[in-house]
Every structure is written in C-alpha cells, then in structure tokens.
C-alpha atoms as a PDB file:
ATOM      1  CA  MET A   1     105.935 117.156 105.570  1.00  0.00           C
ATOM      2  CA  ILE A   2     103.188 114.164 105.078  1.00  0.00           C
ATOM      3  CA  THR A   3      99.860 115.808 104.093  1.00  0.00           C
ATOM      4  CA  CYS A   4      96.623 114.259 103.831  1.00  0.00           C
ATOM      5  CA  THR A   5      93.308 115.096 102.203  1.00  0.00           C
ATOM      6  CA  SER A   6      90.076 115.384 104.090  1.00  0.00           C
ATOM      7  CA  ASP A   7      89.363 111.665 103.533  1.00  0.00           C
ATOM      8  CA  GLY A   8      92.393 110.684 104.932  1.00  0.00           C
ATOM      9  CA  TYR A   9      94.419 109.782 102.029  1.00  0.00           C
ATOM     10  CA  VAL A  10      98.025 110.526 101.634  1.00  0.00           C
ATOM     11  CA  SER A  11      98.574 113.098  98.933  1.00  0.00           C
ATOM     12  CA  VAL A  12     101.741 114.930  99.492  1.00  0.00           C
ATOM     13  CA  LEU A  13     104.910 112.780 100.686  1.00  0.00           C
ATOM     14  CA  GLY A  14     107.327 115.458 101.221  1.00  0.00           C
ATOM     15  CA  LEU A  15     110.690 114.882 103.461  1.00  0.00           C
ATOM     16  CA  PRO A  16     113.557 116.786 101.534  1.00  0.00           C
ATOM     17  CA  SER A  17     116.749 117.372 103.278  1.00  0.00           C
ATOM     18  CA  GLN A  18     116.196 115.190 106.346  1.00  0.00           C
ATOM     19  CA  SER A  19     119.645 113.061 105.910  1.00  0.00           C
ATOM     20  CA  LEU A  20     117.070 110.269 105.188  1.00  0.00           C
ATOM     21  CA  SER A  21     118.953 106.568 104.287  1.00  0.00           C
ATOM     22  CA  GLY A  22     118.263 103.370 103.353  1.00  0.00           C
ATOM     23  CA  SER A  23     116.570 102.320 100.230  1.00  0.00           C
ATOM     24  CA  LEU A  24     112.794 103.409  99.137  1.00  0.00           C
ATOM     25  CA  SER A  25     110.202 100.975  99.772  1.00  0.00           C
ATOM     26  CA  PRO A  26     108.237  99.353  96.958  1.00  0.00           C
ATOM     27  CA  GLY A  27     105.177  99.817  99.380  1.00  0.00           C
ATOM     28  CA  ILE A  28     105.011 103.589  98.090  1.00  0.00           C
ATOM     29  CA  GLY A  29     102.963 102.367  95.073  1.00  0.00           C
ATOM     30  CA  ASN A  30     100.181 101.548  97.242  1.00  0.00           C
ATOM     31  CA  LEU A  31      99.697 105.591  98.218  1.00  0.00           C
ATOM     32  CA  THR A  32      97.734 105.684  94.856  1.00  0.00           C
ATOM     33  CA  ASN A  33      96.334 109.476  95.918  1.00  0.00           C
ATOM     34  CA  LEU A  34     100.027 110.744  95.905  1.00  0.00           C
ATOM     35  CA  GLN A  35     100.354 113.965  94.064  1.00  0.00           C
ATOM     36  CA  SER A  36     103.994 114.675  94.935  1.00  0.00           C
ATOM     37  CA  VAL A  37     106.943 112.816  96.162  1.00  0.00           C
ATOM     38  CA  LEU A  38     109.775 115.470  97.504  1.00  0.00           C
ATOM     39  CA  LEU A  39     112.729 113.240  98.433  1.00  0.00           C
ATOM     40  CA  GLN A  40     115.682 115.499  97.564  1.00  0.00           C
ATOM     41  CA  ASN A  41     118.639 116.051  99.264  1.00  0.00           C
ATOM     42  CA  ASN A  42     118.782 112.950 101.052  1.00  0.00           C
ATOM     43  CA  ALA A  43     121.105 109.835 101.053  1.00  0.00           C
ATOM     44  CA  ILE A  44     118.630 107.247  99.873  1.00  0.00           C
ATOM     45  CA  SER A  45     119.859 104.360  97.930  1.00  0.00           C
ATOM     46  CA  GLY A  46     119.210 101.509  95.993  1.00  0.00           C
ATOM     47  CA  PRO A  47     117.057 101.192  92.978  1.00  0.00           C
ATOM     48  CA  ILE A  48     113.841 103.599  92.047  1.00  0.00           C
ATOM     49  CA  PRO A  49     111.120 101.336  92.766  1.00  0.00           C
ATOM     50  CA  SER A  50     108.892 100.250  89.719  1.00  0.00           C
ATOM     51  CA  THR A  51     105.688 100.637  91.721  1.00  0.00           C
ATOM     52  CA  LEU A  52     105.967 104.356  91.267  1.00  0.00           C
ATOM     53  CA  GLY A  53     104.143 103.945  87.932  1.00  0.00           C
ATOM     54  CA  LYS A  54     101.271 102.835  89.849  1.00  0.00           C
ATOM     55  CA  LEU A  55     100.716 106.509  90.872  1.00  0.00           C
ATOM     56  CA  GLU A  56      98.336 107.896  88.556  1.00  0.00           C
ATOM     57  CA  LYS A  57      97.715 111.240  90.024  1.00  0.00           C
ATOM     58  CA  LEU A  58     101.467 112.098  90.520  1.00  0.00           C
ATOM     59  CA  GLN A  59     102.285 115.309  89.104  1.00  0.00           C
ATOM     60  CA  THR A  60     105.995 115.839  90.769  1.00  0.00           C
ATOM     61  CA  LEU A  61     108.668 113.254  91.687  1.00  0.00           C
ATOM     62  CA  ASP A  62     111.773 114.537  92.670  1.00  0.00           C
ATOM     63  CA  LEU A  63     114.496 112.179  93.837  1.00  0.00           C
ATOM     64  CA  SER A  64     117.522 114.543  92.920  1.00  0.00           C
ATOM     65  CA  ASN A  65     120.737 114.388  95.210  1.00  0.00           C
ATOM     66  CA  ASN A  66     120.265 111.270  96.379  1.00  0.00           C
ATOM     67  CA  LEU A  67     122.389 107.903  96.168  1.00  0.00           C
ATOM     68  CA  PHE A  68     120.095 105.779  93.753  1.00  0.00           C
ATOM     69  CA  SER A  69     121.470 103.424  91.380  1.00  0.00           C
ATOM     70  CA  GLY A  70     120.447 100.849  88.633  1.00  0.00           C
ATOM     71  CA  GLU A  71     118.251 101.818  85.755  1.00  0.00           C
ATOM     72  CA  ILE A  72     115.237 104.195  85.300  1.00  0.00           C
ATOM     73  CA  PRO A  73     112.149 101.999  85.653  1.00  0.00           C
ATOM     74  CA  ASP A  74     110.120 101.933  82.598  1.00  0.00           C
ATOM     75  CA  SER A  75     106.931 102.104  84.509  1.00  0.00           C
ATOM     76  CA  LEU A  76     107.357 105.908  85.125  1.00  0.00           C
ATOM     77  CA  GLY A  77     106.086 106.425  81.550  1.00  0.00           C
ATOM     78  CA  ALA A  78     102.494 105.208  83.457  1.00  0.00           C
ATOM     79  CA  LEU A  79     102.165 108.823  84.950  1.00  0.00           C
ATOM     80  CA  ARG A  80     100.472 110.436  82.554  1.00  0.00           C
ATOM     81  CA  ASN A  81      99.911 113.263  85.108  1.00  0.00           C
ATOM     82  CA  LEU A  82     103.415 114.025  85.895  1.00  0.00           C
ATOM     83  CA  ASN A  83     105.013 117.646  85.093  1.00  0.00           C
ATOM     84  CA  TYR A  84     108.098 117.774  87.118  1.00  0.00           C
ATOM     85  CA  LEU A  85     110.419 114.803  87.058  1.00  0.00           C
ATOM     86  CA  ARG A  86     113.820 115.326  88.711  1.00  0.00           C
ATOM     87  CA  LEU A  87     116.344 112.285  89.243  1.00  0.00           C
ATOM     88  CA  ASN A  88     119.593 114.280  88.621  1.00  0.00           C
ATOM     89  CA  ASN A  89     122.427 113.635  90.625  1.00  0.00           C
ATOM     90  CA  ASN A  90     122.466 109.887  91.382  1.00  0.00           C
ATOM     91  CA  SER A  91     124.275 106.997  90.246  1.00  0.00           C
ATOM     92  CA  LEU A  92     121.652 105.668  87.487  1.00  0.00           C
ATOM     93  CA  LEU A  93     122.861 103.300  84.956  1.00  0.00           C
ATOM     94  CA  GLY A  94     121.450 102.369  81.376  1.00  0.00           C
ATOM     95  CA  PRO A  95     119.155 104.295  79.011  1.00  0.00           C
ATOM     96  CA  CYS A  96     116.344 106.875  79.234  1.00  0.00           C
ATOM     97  CA  PRO A  97     113.246 104.787  79.152  1.00  0.00           C
ATOM     98  CA  ASP A  98     111.267 105.348  75.443  1.00  0.00           C
ATOM     99  CA  THR A  99     108.221 105.398  77.713  1.00  0.00           C
ATOM    100  CA  LEU A 100     108.719 108.822  79.026  1.00  0.00           C
ATOM    101  CA  SER A 101     108.129 110.057  75.489  1.00  0.00           C
ATOM    102  CA  LYS A 102     104.446 108.862  75.819  1.00  0.00           C
ATOM    103  CA  ILE A 103     104.068 111.661  78.754  1.00  0.00           C
ATOM    104  CA  GLU A 104     102.782 114.668  77.141  1.00  0.00           C
ATOM    105  CA  GLY A 105     102.253 117.292  79.771  1.00  0.00           C
ATOM    106  CA  LEU A 106     106.026 117.197  81.251  1.00  0.00           C
ATOM    107  CA  THR A 107     107.559 120.839  81.860  1.00  0.00           C
ATOM    108  CA  LEU A 108     110.817 119.847  83.298  1.00  0.00           C
ATOM    109  CA  VAL A 109     112.749 116.695  83.261  1.00  0.00           C
ATOM    110  CA  ASP A 110     116.407 116.443  84.822  1.00  0.00           C
ATOM    111  CA  LEU A 111     118.348 113.748  84.546  1.00  0.00           C
ATOM    112  CA  SER A 112     121.614 115.266  84.813  1.00  0.00           C
ATOM    113  CA  TYR A 113     125.094 114.187  86.517  1.00  0.00           C
ATOM    114  CA  ASN A 114     124.243 110.128  86.461  1.00  0.00           C
ATOM    115  CA  ASN A 115     125.725 107.410  84.284  1.00  0.00           C
ATOM    116  CA  LEU A 116     123.065 107.040  81.623  1.00  0.00           C
ATOM    117  CA  SER A 117     123.977 105.770  77.981  1.00  0.00           C
ATOM    118  CA  GLY A 118     122.529 105.006  75.042  1.00  0.00           C
ATOM    119  CA  SER A 119     120.058 106.998  72.692  1.00  0.00           C
ATOM    120  CA  LEU A 120     117.872 109.632  73.912  1.00  0.00           C
ATOM    121  CA  PRO A 121     114.085 109.404  73.343  1.00  0.00           C
ATOM    122  CA  LYS A 122     112.039 112.185  71.880  1.00  0.00           C
ATOM    123  CA  ILE A 123     110.461 113.722  74.973  1.00  0.00           C
ATOM    124  CA  SER A 124     108.123 116.722  74.922  1.00  0.00           C
ATOM    125  CA  ALA A 125     109.267 118.354  78.070  1.00  0.00           C
ATOM    126  CA  ARG A 126     109.873 122.073  77.675  1.00  0.00           C
ATOM    127  CA  THR A 127     113.096 121.674  79.456  1.00  0.00           C
ATOM    128  CA  PHE A 128     114.989 118.321  79.333  1.00  0.00           C
ATOM    129  CA  LYS A 129     118.559 117.921  80.989  1.00  0.00           C
ATOM    130  CA  VAL A 130     121.149 115.303  80.659  1.00  0.00           C
ATOM    131  CA  THR A 131     124.148 117.140  80.987  1.00  0.00           C
ATOM    132  CA  GLY A 132     126.924 115.261  82.978  1.00  0.00           C
ATOM    133  CA  ASN A 133     126.312 111.856  81.564  1.00  0.00           C
ATOM    134  CA  PRO A 134     129.917 111.333  80.036  1.00  0.00           C
ATOM    135  CA  LEU A 135     128.463 107.980  78.136  1.00  0.00           C
ATOM    136  CA  ILE A 136     125.665 110.336  76.310  1.00  0.00           C
ATOM    137  CA  CYS A 137     127.312 113.886  76.036  1.00  0.00           C
ATOM    138  CA  GLY A 138     130.833 113.178  76.215  1.00  0.00           C
ATOM    139  CA  PRO A 139     133.260 114.297  73.593  1.00  0.00           C
ATOM    140  CA  LYS A 140     133.066 111.038  71.402  1.00  0.00           C
ATOM    141  CA  ALA A 141     129.430 110.743  71.644  1.00  0.00           C
ATOM    142  CA  ASN A 142     127.086 110.922  68.816  1.00  0.00           C
ATOM    143  CA  SER A 143     124.752 113.288  70.793  1.00  0.00           C
ATOM    144  CA  ASN A 144     125.469 116.919  71.047  1.00  0.00           C
ATOM    145  CA  CYS A 145     123.425 117.739  74.538  1.00  0.00           C
ATOM    146  CA  SER A 146     123.554 121.689  73.911  1.00  0.00           C
ATOM    147  CA  SER A 147     121.615 121.299  70.774  1.00  0.00           C
ATOM    148  CA  VAL A 148     119.271 118.515  71.192  1.00  0.00           C
ATOM    149  CA  PHE A 149     117.177 119.528  74.313  1.00  0.00           C
ATOM    150  CA  PRO A 150     115.797 123.108  74.644  1.00  0.00           C
ATOM    151  CA  GLU A 151     116.983 125.430  77.610  1.00  0.00           C
ATOM    152  CA  PRO A 152     114.649 128.466  78.894  1.00  0.00           C
ATOM    153  CA  LEU A 153     116.948 130.572  77.049  1.00  0.00           C
ATOM    154  CA  SER A 154     118.809 130.379  73.656  1.00  0.00           C
ATOM    155  CA  LEU A 155     120.602 132.422  71.088  1.00  0.00           C
ATOM    156  CA  PRO A 156     119.079 133.427  67.931  1.00  0.00           C
ATOM    157  CA  PRO A 157     119.586 131.503  64.965  1.00  0.00           C
ATOM    158  CA  ASN A 158     122.113 133.680  63.223  1.00  0.00           C
ATOM    159  CA  GLY A 159     124.220 133.662  66.363  1.00  0.00           C
ATOM    160  CA  LEU A 160     124.401 129.719  66.191  1.00  0.00           C
ATOM    161  CA  LYS A 161     126.060 129.913  62.643  1.00  0.00           C
ATOM    162  CA  ASP A 162     128.784 132.034  64.156  1.00  0.00           C
ATOM    163  CA  GLN A 163     131.458 129.585  65.679  1.00  0.00           C
ATOM    164  CA  SER A 164     133.840 131.981  67.204  1.00  0.00           C
ATOM    165  CA  ASP A 165     135.178 131.722  70.480  1.00  0.00           C
ATOM    166  CA  SER A 166     133.169 134.700  71.807  1.00  0.00           C
ATOM    167  CA  GLY A 167     129.849 133.085  70.309  1.00  0.00           C
ATOM    168  CA  MET A 168     130.355 130.278  72.116  1.00  0.00           C
ATOM    169  CA  LYS A 169     131.043 131.798  75.253  1.00  0.00           C
ATOM    170  CA  SER A 170     128.037 134.002  74.727  1.00  0.00           C
ATOM    171  CA  HIS A 171     126.187 130.679  74.339  1.00  0.00           C
ATOM    172  CA  ARG A 172     127.189 129.052  77.672  1.00  0.00           C
ATOM    173  CA  VAL A 173     126.756 132.097  79.749  1.00  0.00           C
ATOM    174  CA  ALA A 174     122.971 132.263  78.072  1.00  0.00           C
ATOM    175  CA  VAL A 175     122.233 128.461  79.055  1.00  0.00           C
ATOM    176  CA  ALA A 176     123.698 128.756  82.051  1.00  0.00           C
ATOM    177  CA  PHE A 177     121.443 131.482  83.248  1.00  0.00           C
ATOM    178  CA  GLY A 178     118.566 129.901  81.454  1.00  0.00           C
ATOM    179  CA  ALA A 179     118.922 126.607  83.587  1.00  0.00           C
ATOM    180  CA  SER A 180     119.242 128.627  86.948  1.00  0.00           C
ATOM    181  CA  PHE A 181     116.395 130.633  85.863  1.00  0.00           C
ATOM    182  CA  GLY A 182     114.063 127.661  85.262  1.00  0.00           C
ATOM    183  CA  ALA A 183     115.466 125.784  88.227  1.00  0.00           C
ATOM    184  CA  ALA A 184     114.291 128.554  90.432  1.00  0.00           C
ATOM    185  CA  PHE A 185     110.987 129.314  88.762  1.00  0.00           C
ATOM    186  CA  SER A 186     110.346 125.305  89.335  1.00  0.00           C
ATOM    187  CA  VAL A 187     111.004 125.393  93.033  1.00  0.00           C
ATOM    188  CA  ILE A 188     108.776 128.507  93.096  1.00  0.00           C
ATOM    189  CA  LEU A 189     106.159 126.963  91.352  1.00  0.00           C
ATOM    190  CA  ILE A 190     106.041 123.816  93.331  1.00  0.00           C
ATOM    191  CA  ILE A 191     106.243 125.349  96.248  1.00  0.00           C
ATOM    192  CA  GLY A 192     103.191 127.747  95.345  1.00  0.00           C
ATOM    193  CA  LEU A 193     101.205 124.704  94.314  1.00  0.00           C
ATOM    194  CA  LEU A 194     101.518 122.980  97.830  1.00  0.00           C
ATOM    195  CA  VAL A 195     100.548 125.980  99.500  1.00  0.00           C
ATOM    196  CA  TRP A 196      97.584 126.419  97.480  1.00  0.00           C
ATOM    197  CA  TRP A 197      96.672 123.240  97.997  1.00  0.00           C
ATOM    198  CA  ARG A 198      97.006 123.192 101.577  1.00  0.00           C
ATOM    199  CA  TYR A 199      94.906 126.045 102.254  1.00  0.00           C
ATOM    200  CA  ARG A 200      92.565 125.754  99.837  1.00  0.00           C
ATOM    201  CA  HIS A 201      91.147 122.092 100.749  1.00  0.00           C
ATOM    202  CA  ASN A 202      90.269 120.365 103.982  1.00  0.00           C
ATOM    203  CA  GLN A 203      93.626 118.753 104.808  1.00  0.00           C
ATOM    204  CA  GLN A 204      94.562 117.071 107.798  1.00  0.00           C
ATOM    205  CA  ILE A 205      98.046 116.972 109.043  1.00  0.00           C
ATOM    206  CA  PHE A 206      98.822 113.984 111.568  1.00  0.00           C
ATOM    207  CA  PHE A 207     101.882 113.511 113.765  1.00  0.00           C
ATOM    208  CA  ASP A 208     103.144 111.983 117.132  1.00  0.00           C
ATOM    209  CA  VAL A 209     102.791 113.404 120.620  1.00  0.00           C
ATOM    210  CA  ASN A 210     103.934 112.060 124.151  1.00  0.00           C
ATOM    211  CA  GLU A 211     101.821 109.938 125.923  1.00  0.00           C
ATOM    212  CA  GLN A 212     101.071 113.061 128.677  1.00  0.00           C
ATOM    213  CA  TYR A 213      98.536 114.394 126.377  1.00  0.00           C
ATOM    214  CA  ASP A 214      94.549 113.759 126.167  1.00  0.00           C
ATOM    215  CA  PRO A 215      93.983 111.084 123.667  1.00  0.00           C
ATOM    216  CA  GLU A 216      92.569 113.505 120.984  1.00  0.00           C
ATOM    217  CA  VAL A 217      93.046 117.443 120.954  1.00  0.00           C
ATOM    218  CA  CYS A 218      91.810 119.298 118.098  1.00  0.00           C
ATOM    219  CA  LEU A 219      93.639 122.322 117.104  1.00  0.00           C
ATOM    220  CA  GLY A 220      92.438 123.560 113.701  1.00  0.00           C
ATOM    221  CA  HIS A 221      93.060 121.201 111.402  1.00  0.00           C
ATOM    222  CA  LEU A 222      95.846 119.593 113.481  1.00  0.00           C
ATOM    223  CA  LYS A 223      94.920 116.087 115.459  1.00  0.00           C
ATOM    224  CA  ARG A 224      97.078 114.810 118.094  1.00  0.00           C
ATOM    225  CA  TYR A 225      97.414 111.216 118.891  1.00  0.00           C
ATOM    226  CA  THR A 226      98.366 109.059 122.181  1.00  0.00           C
ATOM    227  CA  PHE A 227     101.506 106.951 121.680  1.00  0.00           C
ATOM    228  CA  LYS A 228      99.510 103.691 122.169  1.00  0.00           C
ATOM    229  CA  GLU A 229      97.151 104.637 119.220  1.00  0.00           C
ATOM    230  CA  LEU A 230     100.614 105.236 116.866  1.00  0.00           C
ATOM    231  CA  ARG A 231     101.968 102.262 118.170  1.00  0.00           C
ATOM    232  CA  ALA A 232      99.099 100.289 117.155  1.00  0.00           C
ATOM    233  CA  ALA A 233      98.529 102.142 114.041  1.00  0.00           C
ATOM    234  CA  THR A 234     102.389 101.083 113.120  1.00  0.00           C
ATOM    235  CA  ASN A 235     102.055  97.636 114.086  1.00  0.00           C
ATOM    236  CA  HIS A 236     104.256  98.327 117.136  1.00  0.00           C
ATOM    237  CA  PHE A 237     106.596 100.123 114.886  1.00  0.00           C
ATOM    238  CA  ASN A 238     106.943  96.829 112.912  1.00  0.00           C
ATOM    239  CA  SER A 239     110.106  97.206 110.225  1.00  0.00           C
ATOM    240  CA  LYS A 240     107.339  96.328 107.377  1.00  0.00           C
ATOM    241  CA  ASN A 241     106.068  99.733 107.911  1.00  0.00           C
ATOM    242  CA  ILE A 242     109.180 101.702 107.741  1.00  0.00           C
ATOM    243  CA  LEU A 243     109.237 104.414 104.632  1.00  0.00           C
ATOM    244  CA  GLY A 244     112.368 105.760 105.578  1.00  0.00           C
ATOM    245  CA  ARG A 245     115.350 106.431 107.889  1.00  0.00           C
ATOM    246  CA  GLY A 246     117.501 109.894 108.606  1.00  0.00           C
ATOM    247  CA  GLY A 247     119.623 111.365 110.842  1.00  0.00           C
ATOM    248  CA  PHE A 248     116.535 112.199 112.865  1.00  0.00           C
ATOM    249  CA  GLY A 249     114.886 109.017 113.365  1.00  0.00           C
ATOM    250  CA  ILE A 250     112.867 106.713 111.664  1.00  0.00           C
ATOM    251  CA  VAL A 251     110.000 107.630 109.166  1.00  0.00           C
ATOM    252  CA  TYR A 252     107.176 104.828 109.846  1.00  0.00           C
ATOM    253  CA  LYS A 253     103.834 104.434 107.943  1.00  0.00           C
ATOM    254  CA  GLY A 254     100.773 104.091 110.165  1.00  0.00           C
ATOM    255  CA  ASN A 255      97.157 102.831 109.364  1.00  0.00           C
ATOM    256  CA  PHE A 256      94.287 103.812 112.031  1.00  0.00           C
ATOM    257  CA  SER A 257      91.106 101.518 111.752  1.00  0.00           C
ATOM    258  CA  ASP A 258      89.028 104.182 110.387  1.00  0.00           C
ATOM    259  CA  GLY A 259      91.202 103.965 107.309  1.00  0.00           C
ATOM    260  CA  THR A 260      93.545 107.002 108.093  1.00  0.00           C
ATOM    261  CA  LEU A 261      97.151 106.758 107.064  1.00  0.00           C
ATOM    262  CA  VAL A 262      99.749 108.654 108.849  1.00  0.00           C
ATOM    263  CA  ALA A 263     103.615 109.045 109.030  1.00  0.00           C
ATOM    264  CA  VAL A 264     105.194 108.861 112.317  1.00  0.00           C
ATOM    265  CA  LYS A 265     108.790 109.657 112.934  1.00  0.00           C
ATOM    266  CA  GLY A 266     110.334 107.381 115.479  1.00  0.00           C
END
C-alpha cells in the first residue's frame, strides 16, 4: 500500500510480502515525507541505501526477512524520530553503527540473525535484539547477549543468582515468551498507527486503471487515472523510476505535472 498525504506526498511505503526482488533504489531518500517503510518478507537484495538517513520524519523502518547484504549505514543515526528499526533475518555484515546510540526515542531495534561483528554500542531502545549473530553472541565471544540487552520479560535479581539447570530453563522460557509478546505488540501498534493516520487525515491513494475508464473518476478518497496519464507520469515506465520488482510486477514511481507522487504497479 502506498499512502499519500492530502498534499500529494508519499507518507507510507508499505509493500510487505509481495515477492519483491532486486535492490532498493537510493532514490527512496528523495521521499522526504515518508513516516513508515514496510518492505518486510520479500527477496530484496543488495546494500541498504545510505540515503535512508535523509528521511527525517521516518518513524518505522522494517526491512526484515529479505536478502540485504553489506554493512548497516551510519546514516541511520540521523533518523532522530525513528521508533522501530527491524533489520533481522538478512545477511548484514560488519559492526552495529555507533550512530544508533544517538536516537533517543527508539522502542525496538531488532538486528538478530545476521552476520554482524565487533563491539555493540549502548542503544537506549527498550528492546534490543542481536541474537543469531555468531561473531557477537557465539560461545567464544566476549558479549553475553542475554544479559546485555533488555527483553520485555526477565527474571527477578534473586533468580539470576541461581545457575541451576532449572533456573536457566525458566529464564529461556521467560525470554522467549517476552520476545514473542513484544513482537506481537509491535505489529499491533504499527497497524493501529497506520489505520489511525489513514482515517484521521485527508489522504489519497492512487492506483492505475485500464484505459476504458473515464479520465478521472473520484470515489470517496480514491482517484482513477488513465493509462496515458500514468505512462506520462512514469516517463513511459522508465527503468530509472523503478521502486522494486516482485512476482506480481514492477512498481514504478510516478510524478504528475501538479507535483503529485504515486506508485504504479506494472
């Protein structure tokens, strides 16, 4: 789902579980009014664009369960309004950027199940997950992931002193339950924010239609465009306007003469 504000600016780029492939274009940094980027559960590969650091209004960035590689850009530390950062289940390398410690409003940071290495910065997020990174959390690593980073649920101090087998099993159960609860709560919260934003603001969702329809038909907050208009807005579906590729087609960025930005699935 591509959501625009009443002024025609893209505020939500939501295309989860769409079988998208290819790389994420650095041009995403030009959508400076983005508040949510939800591209999880696809097959997007290549590096994470450093231009994401230009999205000063961004609150949610979810690129989890993809094929991203390379290092986490230092520029993400410039996202001072970021609340949720999920980069788990990719193939990211290198250290966790120290710049992330500058973001004070973080609620969730999930970097688990990558190939990160090096020391970890002190991040103020309520939940900070790095499990599944062997070079950080392996048996020979200096860091103890389960004790350094808070989980939503934990054992009382007296329980931590008990190193018996039964105590360790109870701790694992508590951590697993807490992680599941935290993830579920985060998903519900994100969905609630998106629904609230959609119905409390005057927004428009744009999409492509067949040429047989009238040039412009308004249905509530929806507006239809002809194929010719969409072709002109995307510069004849130029490859430079591609936002992503998936099993259901190619998603192009379109720019109308009045400044309205749209996303068109080919």
